[in-house]
Amino acid sequence: MIIIIFIIIIIFCILNNQSENFKNIKTPKCCLIQKRLSKDNKFKYIYTPLTGSYCNYNNLSSNNEELYFDGFNNWNNDTDCNDNSHLIGSCRHINKECVEFVKKDVCDKVKSMVWTPNVSCNDNIYIK
């Protein structure tokens, strides 16, 4: 009889602990970054904070969009996901190759690439 009570207590403790672990799982936060043409015919990045099921790559509608997730690669949604952010830009190799939605530290890993903040691959840059 004591063994059965002991087993019931152990099962109760395990189930109670598991439910508390599931409560600690955070809802994902991310930032949708879109490249859009502005009224003055210049491309610019638009930042939109998202949470939950909206943070899904399947929701992206074109190559002009990217998701950055809170807590990954030093991205902080609270401070980085706004139109004043200068963390995202393009990384190019003297107007031959260009990659959008790149942070400077990623671009700096390739020595022949030049990073420009808030400048799209569609915009011309001038290298001195």
N, C-alpha and C. Protein backbone atom coordinates (compact mmCIF):
# COMPACT_ATOMS: atom_id res chain seq x y z
N MET A 1 0.82 -1.19 0.00
CA MET A 1 0.00 0.00 0.00
C MET A 1 0.87 1.26 0.00
N ILE A 2 1.92 1.27 0.79
CA ILE A 2 2.82 2.41 0.87
C ILE A 2 3.53 2.62 -0.48
N ILE A 3 3.85 1.52 -1.14
CA ILE A 3 4.52 1.61 -2.44
C ILE A 3 3.60 2.28 -3.47
N ILE A 4 2.32 1.91 -3.45
CA ILE A 4 1.36 2.50 -4.39
C ILE A 4 1.21 4.00 -4.14
N ILE A 5 1.12 4.41 -2.90
CA ILE A 5 1.02 5.83 -2.57
C ILE A 5 2.29 6.56 -3.01
N PHE A 6 3.43 5.93 -2.78
CA PHE A 6 4.71 6.53 -3.16
C PHE A 6 4.77 6.70 -4.69
N ILE A 7 4.33 5.70 -5.45
CA ILE A 7 4.33 5.77 -6.91
C ILE A 7 3.37 6.87 -7.39
N ILE A 8 2.20 6.99 -6.78
CA ILE A 8 1.25 8.04 -7.14
C ILE A 8 1.84 9.42 -6.89
N ILE A 9 2.53 9.58 -5.77
CA ILE A 9 3.16 10.87 -5.45
C ILE A 9 4.24 11.20 -6.48
N ILE A 10 5.04 10.21 -6.86
CA ILE A 10 6.10 10.44 -7.85
C ILE A 10 5.49 10.83 -9.20
N ILE A 11 4.46 10.12 -9.62
CA ILE A 11 3.80 10.44 -10.90
C ILE A 11 3.21 11.85 -10.86
N PHE A 12 2.58 12.20 -9.75
CA PHE A 12 2.01 13.54 -9.61
C PHE A 12 3.11 14.61 -9.71
N CYS A 13 4.23 14.37 -9.06
CA CYS A 13 5.35 15.34 -9.10
C CYS A 13 5.90 15.48 -10.51
N ILE A 14 6.04 14.37 -11.22
CA ILE A 14 6.57 14.41 -12.59
C ILE A 14 5.61 15.19 -13.49
N LEU A 15 4.31 14.89 -13.42
CA LEU A 15 3.34 15.58 -14.26
C LEU A 15 3.26 17.07 -13.92
N ASN A 16 3.32 17.39 -12.67
CA ASN A 16 3.27 18.80 -12.24
C ASN A 16 4.51 19.55 -12.74
N ASN A 17 5.65 18.92 -12.67
CA ASN A 17 6.90 19.55 -13.13
C ASN A 17 6.87 19.76 -14.64
N GLN A 18 6.35 18.78 -15.40
CA GLN A 18 6.29 18.91 -16.86
C GLN A 18 5.37 20.05 -17.27
N SER A 19 4.24 20.20 -16.61
CA SER A 19 3.33 21.28 -16.97
C SER A 19 3.95 22.64 -16.69
N GLU A 20 4.76 22.75 -15.64
CA GLU A 20 5.44 24.02 -15.38
C GLU A 20 6.52 24.29 -16.41
N ASN A 21 7.16 23.23 -16.91
CA ASN A 21 8.16 23.43 -17.96
C ASN A 21 7.51 23.95 -19.23
N PHE A 22 6.32 23.47 -19.58
CA PHE A 22 5.63 23.96 -20.76
C PHE A 22 5.17 25.40 -20.58
N LYS A 23 4.90 25.83 -19.38
CA LYS A 23 4.50 27.22 -19.14
C LYS A 23 5.65 28.17 -19.39
N ASN A 24 6.90 27.67 -19.22
CA ASN A 24 8.07 28.53 -19.37
C ASN A 24 8.49 28.72 -20.83
N ILE A 25 7.88 27.99 -21.76
CA ILE A 25 8.21 28.14 -23.17
C ILE A 25 7.66 29.48 -23.65
N LYS A 26 8.54 30.29 -24.20
CA LYS A 26 8.13 31.63 -24.63
C LYS A 26 7.51 31.59 -26.02
N THR A 27 6.60 32.50 -26.24
CA THR A 27 6.05 32.68 -27.58
C THR A 27 7.14 33.31 -28.43
N PRO A 28 7.40 32.75 -29.62
CA PRO A 28 8.48 33.31 -30.44
C PRO A 28 8.18 34.75 -30.86
N LYS A 29 9.25 35.56 -30.84
CA LYS A 29 9.17 36.94 -31.32
C LYS A 29 10.13 37.06 -32.48
N CYS A 30 9.70 37.78 -33.51
CA CYS A 30 10.57 37.96 -34.66
C CYS A 30 10.30 39.33 -35.28
N CYS A 31 11.11 39.65 -36.27
CA CYS A 31 10.97 40.92 -36.97
C CYS A 31 10.89 40.62 -38.46
N LEU A 32 9.80 41.03 -39.08
CA LEU A 32 9.65 40.91 -40.52
C LEU A 32 10.29 42.15 -41.14
N ILE A 33 11.27 41.93 -41.99
CA ILE A 33 11.94 43.03 -42.68
C ILE A 33 11.58 42.91 -44.16
N GLN A 34 10.99 43.97 -44.69
CA GLN A 34 10.56 43.98 -46.08
C GLN A 34 11.29 45.07 -46.84
N LYS A 35 11.67 44.75 -48.06
CA LYS A 35 12.26 45.76 -48.94
C LYS A 35 11.15 46.29 -49.82
N ARG A 36 10.89 47.59 -49.72
CA ARG A 36 9.79 48.21 -50.46
C ARG A 36 10.29 49.47 -51.18
N LEU A 37 9.63 49.80 -52.28
CA LEU A 37 9.93 51.01 -53.02
C LEU A 37 9.15 52.16 -52.40
N SER A 38 9.85 53.21 -52.01
CA SER A 38 9.20 54.35 -51.37
C SER A 38 8.65 55.31 -52.42
N LYS A 39 7.96 56.33 -51.95
CA LYS A 39 7.35 57.31 -52.87
C LYS A 39 8.39 58.08 -53.68
N ASP A 40 9.60 58.21 -53.13
CA ASP A 40 10.66 58.92 -53.85
C ASP A 40 11.50 57.97 -54.72
N ASN A 41 10.94 56.80 -55.04
CA ASN A 41 11.57 55.80 -55.91
C ASN A 41 12.91 55.28 -55.40
N LYS A 42 13.02 55.14 -54.09
CA LYS A 42 14.19 54.52 -53.48
C LYS A 42 13.73 53.32 -52.68
N PHE A 43 14.54 52.27 -52.70
CA PHE A 43 14.20 51.10 -51.91
C PHE A 43 14.58 51.35 -50.46
N LYS A 44 13.74 50.87 -49.54
CA LYS A 44 14.05 51.00 -48.12
C LYS A 44 13.51 49.78 -47.39
N TYR A 45 14.07 49.55 -46.22
CA TYR A 45 13.65 48.42 -45.40
C TYR A 45 12.56 48.88 -44.43
N ILE A 46 11.52 48.07 -44.31
CA ILE A 46 10.43 48.33 -43.38
C ILE A 46 10.44 47.21 -42.35
N TYR A 47 10.46 47.57 -41.07
CA TYR A 47 10.56 46.62 -39.97
C TYR A 47 9.19 46.48 -39.28
N THR A 48 8.75 45.22 -39.10
CA THR A 48 7.47 44.95 -38.45
C THR A 48 7.68 43.87 -37.39
N PRO A 49 7.50 44.18 -36.10
CA PRO A 49 7.62 43.14 -35.06
C PRO A 49 6.42 42.19 -35.12
N LEU A 50 6.71 40.89 -35.01
CA LEU A 50 5.67 39.86 -35.04
C LEU A 50 5.87 38.90 -33.87
N THR A 51 4.81 38.15 -33.55
CA THR A 51 4.91 37.13 -32.49
C THR A 51 4.12 35.90 -32.91
N GLY A 52 4.42 34.80 -32.23
CA GLY A 52 3.66 33.57 -32.38
C GLY A 52 3.74 32.95 -33.76
N SER A 53 2.59 32.52 -34.28
CA SER A 53 2.55 31.79 -35.54
C SER A 53 2.89 32.68 -36.74
N TYR A 54 2.92 33.99 -36.57
CA TYR A 54 3.31 34.88 -37.66
C TYR A 54 4.81 34.78 -37.94
N CYS A 55 5.58 34.26 -36.97
CA CYS A 55 7.02 34.07 -37.14
C CYS A 55 7.29 32.74 -37.83
N ASN A 56 6.90 32.65 -39.07
CA ASN A 56 7.02 31.41 -39.82
C ASN A 56 7.48 31.75 -41.23
N TYR A 57 8.54 31.07 -41.67
CA TYR A 57 9.07 31.34 -43.01
C TYR A 57 8.06 31.03 -44.11
N ASN A 58 7.09 30.16 -43.83
CA ASN A 58 6.07 29.84 -44.83
C ASN A 58 5.15 31.04 -45.11
N ASN A 59 5.14 32.02 -44.22
CA ASN A 59 4.30 33.21 -44.41
C ASN A 59 4.95 34.26 -45.31
N LEU A 60 6.21 34.10 -45.63
CA LEU A 60 6.88 35.08 -46.49
C LEU A 60 6.34 34.96 -47.91
N SER A 61 6.07 36.11 -48.51
CA SER A 61 5.43 36.09 -49.83
C SER A 61 6.39 36.35 -50.99
N SER A 62 7.61 36.80 -50.70
CA SER A 62 8.54 37.08 -51.80
C SER A 62 9.98 37.05 -51.31
N ASN A 63 10.90 37.24 -52.25
CA ASN A 63 12.33 37.33 -51.91
C ASN A 63 12.67 38.67 -51.29
N ASN A 64 11.71 39.58 -51.26
CA ASN A 64 11.93 40.90 -50.69
C ASN A 64 11.56 40.95 -49.21
N GLU A 65 11.52 39.80 -48.56
CA GLU A 65 11.17 39.74 -47.14
C GLU A 65 12.12 38.78 -46.43
N GLU A 66 12.36 39.07 -45.15
CA GLU A 66 13.21 38.21 -44.33
C GLU A 66 12.73 38.29 -42.89
N LEU A 67 12.94 37.20 -42.14
CA LEU A 67 12.61 37.16 -40.71
C LEU A 67 13.88 37.11 -39.89
N TYR A 68 13.94 37.93 -38.86
CA TYR A 68 15.01 37.87 -37.86
C TYR A 68 14.36 37.52 -36.53
N PHE A 69 14.88 36.51 -35.86
CA PHE A 69 14.27 36.02 -34.63
C PHE A 69 14.94 36.59 -33.40
N ASP A 70 14.13 37.00 -32.45
CA ASP A 70 14.60 37.57 -31.19
C ASP A 70 15.48 36.56 -30.46
N GLY A 71 16.69 36.99 -30.08
CA GLY A 71 17.60 36.13 -29.34
C GLY A 71 18.57 35.35 -30.20
N PHE A 72 18.43 35.37 -31.52
CA PHE A 72 19.34 34.66 -32.40
C PHE A 72 20.25 35.65 -33.12
N ASN A 73 21.53 35.31 -33.21
CA ASN A 73 22.53 36.15 -33.89
C ASN A 73 22.53 37.58 -33.36
N ASN A 74 22.44 37.71 -32.05
CA ASN A 74 22.47 39.01 -31.38
C ASN A 74 21.34 39.94 -31.83
N TRP A 75 20.23 39.40 -32.27
CA TRP A 75 19.09 40.22 -32.67
C TRP A 75 18.18 40.42 -31.46
N ASN A 76 17.83 41.67 -31.19
CA ASN A 76 16.91 42.00 -30.11
C ASN A 76 15.72 42.73 -30.71
N ASN A 77 14.57 42.09 -30.67
CA ASN A 77 13.38 42.67 -31.29
C ASN A 77 13.01 44.02 -30.68
N ASP A 78 13.23 44.18 -29.38
CA ASP A 78 12.83 45.42 -28.71
C ASP A 78 13.62 46.63 -29.18
N THR A 79 14.90 46.43 -29.48
CA THR A 79 15.74 47.57 -29.87
C THR A 79 16.08 47.60 -31.35
N ASP A 80 16.07 46.45 -32.03
CA ASP A 80 16.54 46.38 -33.41
C ASP A 80 15.43 46.43 -34.46
N CYS A 81 14.21 46.10 -34.08
CA CYS A 81 13.13 45.98 -35.06
C CYS A 81 12.37 47.31 -35.16
N ASN A 82 13.02 48.30 -35.76
CA ASN A 82 12.37 49.59 -35.98
C ASN A 82 12.99 50.26 -37.20
N ASP A 83 12.30 51.23 -37.75
CA ASP A 83 12.75 51.86 -38.99
C ASP A 83 14.01 52.69 -38.81
N ASN A 84 14.42 52.96 -37.58
CA ASN A 84 15.66 53.71 -37.33
C ASN A 84 16.87 52.79 -37.21
N SER A 85 16.65 51.50 -37.30
CA SER A 85 17.73 50.53 -37.16
C SER A 85 18.66 50.60 -38.37
N HIS A 86 19.95 50.52 -38.11
CA HIS A 86 20.94 50.51 -39.18
C HIS A 86 21.74 49.21 -39.14
N LEU A 87 21.09 48.13 -38.70
CA LEU A 87 21.79 46.85 -38.59
C LEU A 87 21.71 46.01 -39.86
N ILE A 88 20.73 46.28 -40.69
CA ILE A 88 20.52 45.47 -41.90
C ILE A 88 20.89 46.30 -43.12
N GLY A 89 21.54 45.66 -44.06
CA GLY A 89 21.92 46.33 -45.30
C GLY A 89 22.19 45.30 -46.37
N SER A 90 22.96 45.70 -47.36
CA SER A 90 23.33 44.78 -48.43
C SER A 90 24.83 44.56 -48.40
N CYS A 91 25.22 43.42 -48.88
CA CYS A 91 26.63 43.03 -48.92
C CYS A 91 26.95 42.71 -50.37
N ARG A 92 27.88 43.46 -50.94
CA ARG A 92 28.14 43.27 -52.37
C ARG A 92 29.63 43.21 -52.69
N HIS A 93 29.88 42.61 -53.85
CA HIS A 93 31.24 42.47 -54.34
C HIS A 93 31.35 43.33 -55.59
N ILE A 94 31.69 44.59 -55.40
CA ILE A 94 31.91 45.56 -56.48
C ILE A 94 30.83 45.45 -57.56
N ASN A 95 29.58 45.56 -57.15
CA ASN A 95 28.43 45.58 -58.06
C ASN A 95 28.28 44.33 -58.93
N LYS A 96 28.91 43.23 -58.55
CA LYS A 96 28.73 41.99 -59.31
C LYS A 96 27.78 41.05 -58.57
N GLU A 97 28.05 40.80 -57.32
CA GLU A 97 27.20 39.94 -56.51
C GLU A 97 26.64 40.80 -55.39
N CYS A 98 25.42 40.47 -54.97
CA CYS A 98 24.83 41.24 -53.89
C CYS A 98 23.89 40.35 -53.08
N VAL A 99 23.94 40.50 -51.78
CA VAL A 99 23.08 39.75 -50.87
C VAL A 99 22.32 40.75 -50.01
N GLU A 100 21.00 40.57 -49.93
CA GLU A 100 20.13 41.47 -49.15
C GLU A 100 20.02 40.99 -47.70
N PHE A 101 19.52 41.87 -46.84
CA PHE A 101 19.15 41.57 -45.45
C PHE A 101 20.32 40.99 -44.66
N VAL A 102 21.48 41.63 -44.75
CA VAL A 102 22.69 41.11 -44.11
C VAL A 102 23.16 42.08 -43.03
N LYS A 103 23.63 41.51 -41.91
CA LYS A 103 24.26 42.32 -40.87
C LYS A 103 25.74 42.50 -41.21
N LYS A 104 26.33 43.56 -40.73
CA LYS A 104 27.72 43.90 -41.06
C LYS A 104 28.70 42.80 -40.68
N ASP A 105 28.54 42.20 -39.51
CA ASP A 105 29.50 41.18 -39.07
C ASP A 105 29.51 39.96 -39.99
N VAL A 106 28.38 39.67 -40.62
CA VAL A 106 28.33 38.55 -41.57
C VAL A 106 29.07 38.93 -42.86
N CYS A 107 28.86 40.13 -43.33
CA CYS A 107 29.51 40.59 -44.56
C CYS A 107 31.03 40.71 -44.38
N ASP A 108 31.45 41.13 -43.21
CA ASP A 108 32.88 41.32 -42.96
C ASP A 108 33.68 40.03 -43.00
N LYS A 109 33.02 38.88 -42.96
CA LYS A 109 33.72 37.60 -43.01
C LYS A 109 34.33 37.34 -44.38
N VAL A 110 33.80 38.01 -45.41
CA VAL A 110 34.35 37.86 -46.77
C VAL A 110 35.06 39.17 -47.10
N LYS A 111 36.37 39.14 -47.24
CA LYS A 111 37.17 40.36 -47.33
C LYS A 111 36.87 41.22 -48.56
N SER A 112 36.45 40.62 -49.64
CA SER A 112 36.23 41.40 -50.86
C SER A 112 34.82 42.00 -50.93
N MET A 113 34.00 41.76 -49.91
CA MET A 113 32.63 42.26 -49.92
C MET A 113 32.54 43.59 -49.17
N VAL A 114 31.62 44.46 -49.61
CA VAL A 114 31.41 45.76 -49.00
C VAL A 114 29.99 45.80 -48.47
N TRP A 115 29.83 46.19 -47.19
CA TRP A 115 28.52 46.28 -46.56
C TRP A 115 28.04 47.72 -46.55
N THR A 116 26.78 47.94 -46.91
CA THR A 116 26.20 49.27 -46.86
C THR A 116 24.88 49.19 -46.09
N PRO A 117 24.75 49.99 -45.02
CA PRO A 117 23.55 49.92 -44.18
C PRO A 117 22.34 50.55 -44.87
N ASN A 118 21.20 49.90 -44.71
CA ASN A 118 19.93 50.40 -45.24
C ASN A 118 19.97 50.72 -46.73
N VAL A 119 20.83 50.03 -47.47
CA VAL A 119 20.92 50.21 -48.91
C VAL A 119 20.61 48.86 -49.56
N SER A 120 19.71 48.88 -50.49
CA SER A 120 19.27 47.66 -51.17
C SER A 120 20.24 47.31 -52.30
N CYS A 121 20.17 46.06 -52.73
CA CYS A 121 20.95 45.65 -53.90
C CYS A 121 20.47 46.34 -55.17
N ASN A 122 19.27 46.88 -55.16
CA ASN A 122 18.75 47.61 -56.32
C ASN A 122 19.33 49.01 -56.43
N ASP A 123 19.92 49.52 -55.36
CA ASP A 123 20.49 50.88 -55.36
C ASP A 123 21.96 50.82 -55.75
N ASN A 124 22.39 51.84 -56.46
CA ASN A 124 23.81 51.94 -56.81
C ASN A 124 24.60 52.44 -55.62
N ILE A 125 25.82 51.93 -55.50
CA ILE A 125 26.75 52.49 -54.51
C ILE A 125 28.01 52.89 -55.26
N TYR A 126 28.72 53.81 -54.71
CA TYR A 126 29.95 54.29 -55.34
C TYR A 126 31.10 54.02 -54.41
N ILE A 127 32.06 53.24 -54.89
CA ILE A 127 33.22 52.88 -54.07
C ILE A 127 34.38 53.75 -54.49
N LYS A 128 34.99 54.37 -53.50
CA LYS A 128 36.13 55.27 -53.78
C LYS A 128 37.40 54.49 -53.98
